[in-house]
PDB file of all heavy atoms in Angstrom:
ATOM      1  N   ARG A   1      14.925  10.259  10.152  1.00  0.00           N
ATOM      2  CA  ARG A   1      14.650  10.699  11.526  1.00  0.00           C
ATOM      3  C   ARG A   1      14.383   9.513  12.496  1.00  0.00           C
ATOM      4  O   ARG A   1      13.951   9.748  13.596  1.00  0.00           O
ATOM      5  CB  ARG A   1      13.435  11.637  11.523  1.00  0.00           C
ATOM      6  CG  ARG A   1      13.722  12.990  10.908  1.00  0.00           C
ATOM      7  CD  ARG A   1      12.459  13.828  10.832  1.00  0.00           C
ATOM      8  NE  ARG A   1      12.763  15.175  10.321  1.00  0.00           N
ATOM      9  CZ  ARG A   1      11.865  16.012   9.850  1.00  0.00           C
ATOM     10  NH1 ARG A   1      10.560  15.614   9.821  1.00  0.00           N
ATOM     11  NH2 ARG A   1      12.197  17.182   9.376  1.00  0.00           N
ATOM     12  N   THR A   2      14.653   8.326  12.036  1.00  0.00           N
ATOM     13  CA  THR A   2      14.492   7.175  12.898  1.00  0.00           C
ATOM     14  C   THR A   2      15.514   7.228  14.029  1.00  0.00           C
ATOM     15  O   THR A   2      16.713   7.371  13.790  1.00  0.00           O
ATOM     16  CB  THR A   2      14.686   5.855  12.137  1.00  0.00           C
ATOM     17  OG1 THR A   2      13.683   5.793  11.108  1.00  0.00           O
ATOM     18  CG2 THR A   2      14.535   4.675  13.058  1.00  0.00           C
ATOM     19  N   ILE A   3      15.019   7.188  15.266  1.00  0.00           N
ATOM     20  CA  ILE A   3      15.905   7.252  16.445  1.00  0.00           C
ATOM     21  C   ILE A   3      16.516   5.887  16.747  1.00  0.00           C
ATOM     22  O   ILE A   3      17.661   5.741  17.082  1.00  0.00           O
ATOM     23  CB  ILE A   3      15.140   7.784  17.682  1.00  0.00           C
ATOM     24  CG1 ILE A   3      14.649   9.225  17.380  1.00  0.00           C
ATOM     25  CG2 ILE A   3      16.009   7.740  18.923  1.00  0.00           C
ATOM     26  CD1 ILE A   3      13.747   9.766  18.464  1.00  0.00           C
ATOM     27  N   VAL A   4      15.662   4.850  16.633  1.00  0.00           N
ATOM     28  CA  VAL A   4      16.073   3.487  16.938  1.00  0.00           C
ATOM     29  C   VAL A   4      16.504   2.805  15.661  1.00  0.00           C
ATOM     30  O   VAL A   4      15.658   2.409  14.835  1.00  0.00           O
ATOM     31  CB  VAL A   4      14.936   2.705  17.590  1.00  0.00           C
ATOM     32  CG1 VAL A   4      15.346   1.283  17.945  1.00  0.00           C
ATOM     33  CG2 VAL A   4      14.430   3.422  18.857  1.00  0.00           C
ATOM     34  N   GLU A   5      17.793   2.649  15.446  1.00  0.00           N
ATOM     35  CA  GLU A   5      18.270   2.056  14.214  1.00  0.00           C
ATOM     36  C   GLU A   5      18.702   0.597  14.413  1.00  0.00           C
ATOM     37  O   GLU A   5      18.816  -0.141  13.431  1.00  0.00           O
ATOM     38  CB  GLU A   5      19.457   2.880  13.654  1.00  0.00           C
ATOM     39  CG  GLU A   5      19.022   4.286  13.173  1.00  0.00           C
ATOM     40  CD  GLU A   5      20.080   4.946  12.341  1.00  0.00           C
ATOM     41  OE1 GLU A   5      21.061   4.271  11.993  1.00  0.00           O
ATOM     42  OE2 GLU A   5      19.932   6.132  12.031  1.00  0.00           O
ATOM     43  N   ARG A   6      19.015   0.233  15.656  1.00  0.00           N
ATOM     44  CA  ARG A   6      19.385  -1.165  15.926  1.00  0.00           C
ATOM     45  C   ARG A   6      18.197  -1.915  16.469  1.00  0.00           C
ATOM     46  O   ARG A   6      17.727  -1.651  17.588  1.00  0.00           O
ATOM     47  CB  ARG A   6      20.569  -1.201  16.913  1.00  0.00           C
ATOM     48  CG  ARG A   6      21.842  -0.543  16.407  1.00  0.00           C
ATOM     49  CD  ARG A   6      22.985  -0.718  17.358  1.00  0.00           C
ATOM     50  NE  ARG A   6      23.330  -2.125  17.524  1.00  0.00           N
ATOM     51  CZ  ARG A   6      24.276  -2.582  18.364  1.00  0.00           C
ATOM     52  NH1 ARG A   6      24.910  -1.704  19.137  1.00  0.00           N
ATOM     53  NH2 ARG A   6      24.526  -3.858  18.444  1.00  0.00           N
ATOM     54  N   VAL A   7      17.683  -2.811  15.660  1.00  0.00           N
ATOM     55  CA  VAL A   7      16.478  -3.548  16.014  1.00  0.00           C
ATOM     56  C   VAL A   7      16.874  -4.972  16.395  1.00  0.00           C
ATOM     57  O   VAL A   7      17.565  -5.657  15.624  1.00  0.00           O
ATOM     58  CB  VAL A   7      15.488  -3.598  14.824  1.00  0.00           C
ATOM     59  CG1 VAL A   7      14.250  -4.404  15.197  1.00  0.00           C
ATOM     60  CG2 VAL A   7      15.111  -2.173  14.413  1.00  0.00           C
ATOM     61  N   LYS A   8      16.487  -5.410  17.565  1.00  0.00           N
ATOM     62  CA  LYS A   8      16.773  -6.751  18.030  1.00  0.00           C
ATOM     63  C   LYS A   8      15.754  -7.722  17.455  1.00  0.00           C
ATOM     64  O   LYS A   8      14.650  -7.890  17.992  1.00  0.00           O
ATOM     65  CB  LYS A   8      16.808  -6.807  19.556  1.00  0.00           C
ATOM     66  CG  LYS A   8      17.937  -5.986  20.161  1.00  0.00           C
ATOM     67  CD  LYS A   8      17.942  -6.087  21.674  1.00  0.00           C
ATOM     68  CE  LYS A   8      19.094  -5.270  22.291  1.00  0.00           C
ATOM     69  NZ  LYS A   8      19.106  -5.373  23.770  1.00  0.00           N
ATOM     70  N   GLN A   9      16.099  -8.368  16.350  1.00  0.00           N
ATOM     71  CA  GLN A   9      15.188  -9.238  15.640  1.00  0.00           C
ATOM     72  C   GLN A   9      14.677 -10.400  16.493  1.00  0.00           C
ATOM     73  O   GLN A   9      13.547 -10.800  16.411  1.00  0.00           O
ATOM     74  CB  GLN A   9      15.810  -9.758  14.342  1.00  0.00           C
ATOM     75  CG  GLN A   9      16.135  -8.668  13.308  1.00  0.00           C
ATOM     76  CD  GLN A   9      14.892  -8.042  12.715  1.00  0.00           C
ATOM     77  OE1 GLN A   9      14.341  -7.093  13.267  1.00  0.00           O
ATOM     78  NE2 GLN A   9      14.447  -8.581  11.597  1.00  0.00           N
ATOM     79  N   GLU A  10      15.573 -10.968  17.320  1.00  0.00           N
ATOM     80  CA  GLU A  10      15.166 -12.106  18.162  1.00  0.00           C
ATOM     81  C   GLU A  10      14.073 -11.709  19.117  1.00  0.00           C
ATOM     82  O   GLU A  10      13.126 -12.478  19.360  1.00  0.00           O
ATOM     83  CB  GLU A  10      16.352 -12.671  18.897  1.00  0.00           C
ATOM     84  CG  GLU A  10      17.385 -13.395  18.019  1.00  0.00           C
ATOM     85  CD  GLU A  10      18.471 -14.060  18.831  1.00  0.00           C
ATOM     86  OE1 GLU A  10      18.388 -14.044  20.070  1.00  0.00           O
ATOM     87  OE2 GLU A  10      19.434 -14.598  18.204  1.00  0.00           O
ATOM     88  N   ARG A  11      14.173 -10.520  19.693  1.00  0.00           N
ATOM     89  CA  ARG A  11      13.156 -10.055  20.620  1.00  0.00           C
ATOM     90  C   ARG A  11      11.822  -9.822  19.899  1.00  0.00           C
ATOM     91  O   ARG A  11      10.754 -10.188  20.413  1.00  0.00           O
ATOM     92  CB  ARG A  11      13.593  -8.804  21.337  1.00  0.00           C
ATOM     93  CG  ARG A  11      12.637  -8.311  22.446  1.00  0.00           C
ATOM     94  CD  ARG A  11      13.241  -7.181  23.239  1.00  0.00           C
ATOM     95  NE  ARG A  11      13.529  -6.028  22.415  1.00  0.00           N
ATOM     96  CZ  ARG A  11      12.617  -5.114  22.050  1.00  0.00           C
ATOM     97  NH1 ARG A  11      11.363  -5.270  22.446  1.00  0.00           N
ATOM     98  NH2 ARG A  11      12.953  -4.093  21.311  1.00  0.00           N
ATOM     99  N   LEU A  12      11.919  -9.228  18.709  1.00  0.00           N
ATOM    100  CA  LEU A  12      10.681  -9.006  17.933  1.00  0.00           C
ATOM    101  C   LEU A  12      10.041 -10.329  17.511  1.00  0.00           C
ATOM    102  O   LEU A  12       8.824 -10.474  17.526  1.00  0.00           O
ATOM    103  CB  LEU A  12      10.965  -8.151  16.716  1.00  0.00           C
ATOM    104  CG  LEU A  12      11.487  -6.731  16.960  1.00  0.00           C
ATOM    105  CD1 LEU A  12      11.503  -5.940  15.683  1.00  0.00           C
ATOM    106  CD2 LEU A  12      10.668  -6.029  18.047  1.00  0.00           C
ATOM    107  N   ALA A  13      10.888 -11.295  17.142  1.00  0.00           N
ATOM    108  CA  ALA A  13      10.329 -12.617  16.758  1.00  0.00           C
ATOM    109  C   ALA A  13       9.648 -13.248  17.956  1.00  0.00           C
ATOM    110  O   ALA A  13       8.583 -13.920  17.790  1.00  0.00           O
ATOM    111  CB  ALA A  13      11.495 -13.506  16.284  1.00  0.00           C
ATOM    112  N   ALA A  14      10.169 -13.077  19.156  1.00  0.00           N
ATOM    113  CA  ALA A  14       9.518 -13.628  20.354  1.00  0.00           C
ATOM    114  C   ALA A  14       8.166 -12.929  20.592  1.00  0.00           C
ATOM    115  O   ALA A  14       7.205 -13.599  20.998  1.00  0.00           O
ATOM    116  CB  ALA A  14      10.422 -13.478  21.543  1.00  0.00           C
ATOM    117  N   GLN A  15       8.122 -11.620  20.334  1.00  0.00           N
ATOM    118  CA  GLN A  15       6.867 -10.899  20.484  1.00  0.00           C
ATOM    119  C   GLN A  15       5.831 -11.411  19.493  1.00  0.00           C
ATOM    120  O   GLN A  15       4.647 -11.542  19.824  1.00  0.00           O
ATOM    121  CB  GLN A  15       7.094  -9.424  20.252  1.00  0.00           C
ATOM    122  CG  GLN A  15       7.941  -8.709  21.286  1.00  0.00           C
ATOM    123  CD  GLN A  15       7.166  -8.480  22.553  1.00  0.00           C
ATOM    124  OE1 GLN A  15       5.926  -8.524  22.572  1.00  0.00           O
ATOM    125  NE2 GLN A  15       7.848  -8.196  23.645  1.00  0.00           N
ATOM    126  N   ILE A  16       6.245 -11.738  18.291  1.00  0.00           N
ATOM    127  CA  ILE A  16       5.336 -12.270  17.257  1.00  0.00           C
ATOM    128  C   ILE A  16       4.768 -13.606  17.742  1.00  0.00           C
ATOM    129  O   ILE A  16       3.528 -13.826  17.652  1.00  0.00           O
ATOM    130  CB  ILE A  16       6.081 -12.426  15.935  1.00  0.00           C
ATOM    131  CG1 ILE A  16       6.333 -11.072  15.271  1.00  0.00           C
ATOM    132  CG2 ILE A  16       5.295 -13.331  14.993  1.00  0.00           C
ATOM    133  CD1 ILE A  16       7.177 -11.117  14.069  1.00  0.00           C
ATOM    134  N   VAL A  17       5.610 -14.486  18.220  1.00  0.00           N
ATOM    135  CA  VAL A  17       5.159 -15.796  18.656  1.00  0.00           C
ATOM    136  C   VAL A  17       4.156 -15.661  19.816  1.00  0.00           C
ATOM    137  O   VAL A  17       3.076 -16.273  19.795  1.00  0.00           O
ATOM    138  CB  VAL A  17       6.349 -16.661  19.094  1.00  0.00           C
ATOM    139  CG1 VAL A  17       5.875 -17.909  19.856  1.00  0.00           C
ATOM    140  CG2 VAL A  17       7.155 -17.093  17.916  1.00  0.00           C
ATOM    141  N   GLU A  18       4.471 -14.826  20.783  1.00  0.00           N
ATOM    142  CA  GLU A  18       3.566 -14.639  21.910  1.00  0.00           C
ATOM    143  C   GLU A  18       2.221 -14.103  21.481  1.00  0.00           C
ATOM    144  O   GLU A  18       1.151 -14.529  21.945  1.00  0.00           O
ATOM    145  CB  GLU A  18       4.220 -13.711  22.945  1.00  0.00           C
ATOM    146  CG  GLU A  18       3.408 -13.559  24.211  1.00  0.00           C
ATOM    147  CD  GLU A  18       4.110 -12.757  25.258  1.00  0.00           C
ATOM    148  OE1 GLU A  18       5.317 -12.574  25.187  1.00  0.00           O
ATOM    149  OE2 GLU A  18       3.429 -12.208  26.172  1.00  0.00           O
ATOM    150  N   ALA A  19       2.237 -13.121  20.542  1.00  0.00           N
ATOM    151  CA  ALA A  19       0.991 -12.545  20.077  1.00  0.00           C
ATOM    152  C   ALA A  19       0.166 -13.598  19.313  1.00  0.00           C
ATOM    153  O   ALA A  19      -1.081 -13.641  19.477  1.00  0.00           O
ATOM    154  CB  ALA A  19       1.259 -11.357  19.165  1.00  0.00           C
ATOM    155  N   CYS A  20       0.796 -14.443  18.500  1.00  0.00           N
ATOM    156  CA  CYS A  20       0.093 -15.490  17.782  1.00  0.00           C
ATOM    157  C   CYS A  20      -0.517 -16.496  18.768  1.00  0.00           C
ATOM    158  O   CYS A  20      -1.619 -16.984  18.549  1.00  0.00           O
ATOM    159  CB  CYS A  20       1.027 -16.182  16.809  1.00  0.00           C
ATOM    160  SG  CYS A  20       1.408 -15.253  15.330  1.00  0.00           S
ATOM    161  N   GLU A  21       0.234 -16.837  19.798  1.00  0.00           N
ATOM    162  CA  GLU A  21      -0.275 -17.793  20.808  1.00  0.00           C
ATOM    163  C   GLU A  21      -1.548 -17.245  21.475  1.00  0.00           C
ATOM    164  O   GLU A  21      -2.479 -17.970  21.731  1.00  0.00           O
ATOM    165  CB  GLU A  21       0.789 -18.070  21.834  1.00  0.00           C
ATOM    166  CG  GLU A  21       1.952 -18.908  21.320  1.00  0.00           C
ATOM    167  CD  GLU A  21       3.111 -19.042  22.291  1.00  0.00           C
ATOM    168  OE1 GLU A  21       3.129 -18.253  23.289  1.00  0.00           O
ATOM    169  OE2 GLU A  21       3.965 -19.885  22.094  1.00  0.00           O
ATOM    170  N   GLN A  22      -1.551 -15.930  21.717  1.00  0.00           N
ATOM    171  CA  GLN A  22      -2.668 -15.318  22.465  1.00  0.00           C
ATOM    172  C   GLN A  22      -3.891 -15.087  21.574  1.00  0.00           C
ATOM    173  O   GLN A  22      -5.014 -15.247  22.001  1.00  0.00           O
ATOM    174  CB  GLN A  22      -2.211 -13.993  23.060  1.00  0.00           C
ATOM    175  CG  GLN A  22      -1.204 -14.122  24.169  1.00  0.00           C
ATOM    176  CD  GLN A  22      -1.754 -14.863  25.397  1.00  0.00           C
ATOM    177  OE1 GLN A  22      -2.897 -14.649  25.748  1.00  0.00           O
ATOM    178  NE2 GLN A  22      -0.935 -15.666  26.003  1.00  0.00           N
ATOM    179  N   CYS A  23      -3.680 -14.718  20.301  1.00  0.00           N
ATOM    180  CA  CYS A  23      -4.815 -14.311  19.487  1.00  0.00           C
ATOM    181  C   CYS A  23      -5.384 -15.430  18.595  1.00  0.00           C
ATOM    182  O   CYS A  23      -6.381 -15.228  17.922  1.00  0.00           O
ATOM    183  CB  CYS A  23      -4.435 -13.130  18.608  1.00  0.00           C
ATOM    184  SG  CYS A  23      -3.405 -13.481  17.168  1.00  0.00           S
ATOM    185  N   GLY A  24      -4.741 -16.581  18.596  1.00  0.00           N
ATOM    186  CA  GLY A  24      -5.250 -17.698  17.852  1.00  0.00           C
ATOM    187  C   GLY A  24      -4.753 -17.821  16.427  1.00  0.00           C
ATOM    188  O   GLY A  24      -5.258 -18.665  15.678  1.00  0.00           O
TER     189      GLY A  24
END
């Protein structure tokens, strides 16, 4: 039942970096 099957890994990787920068 997953609606979103195409995941943009580069965008998620950028989200990870930004979150790490902010949370320490």
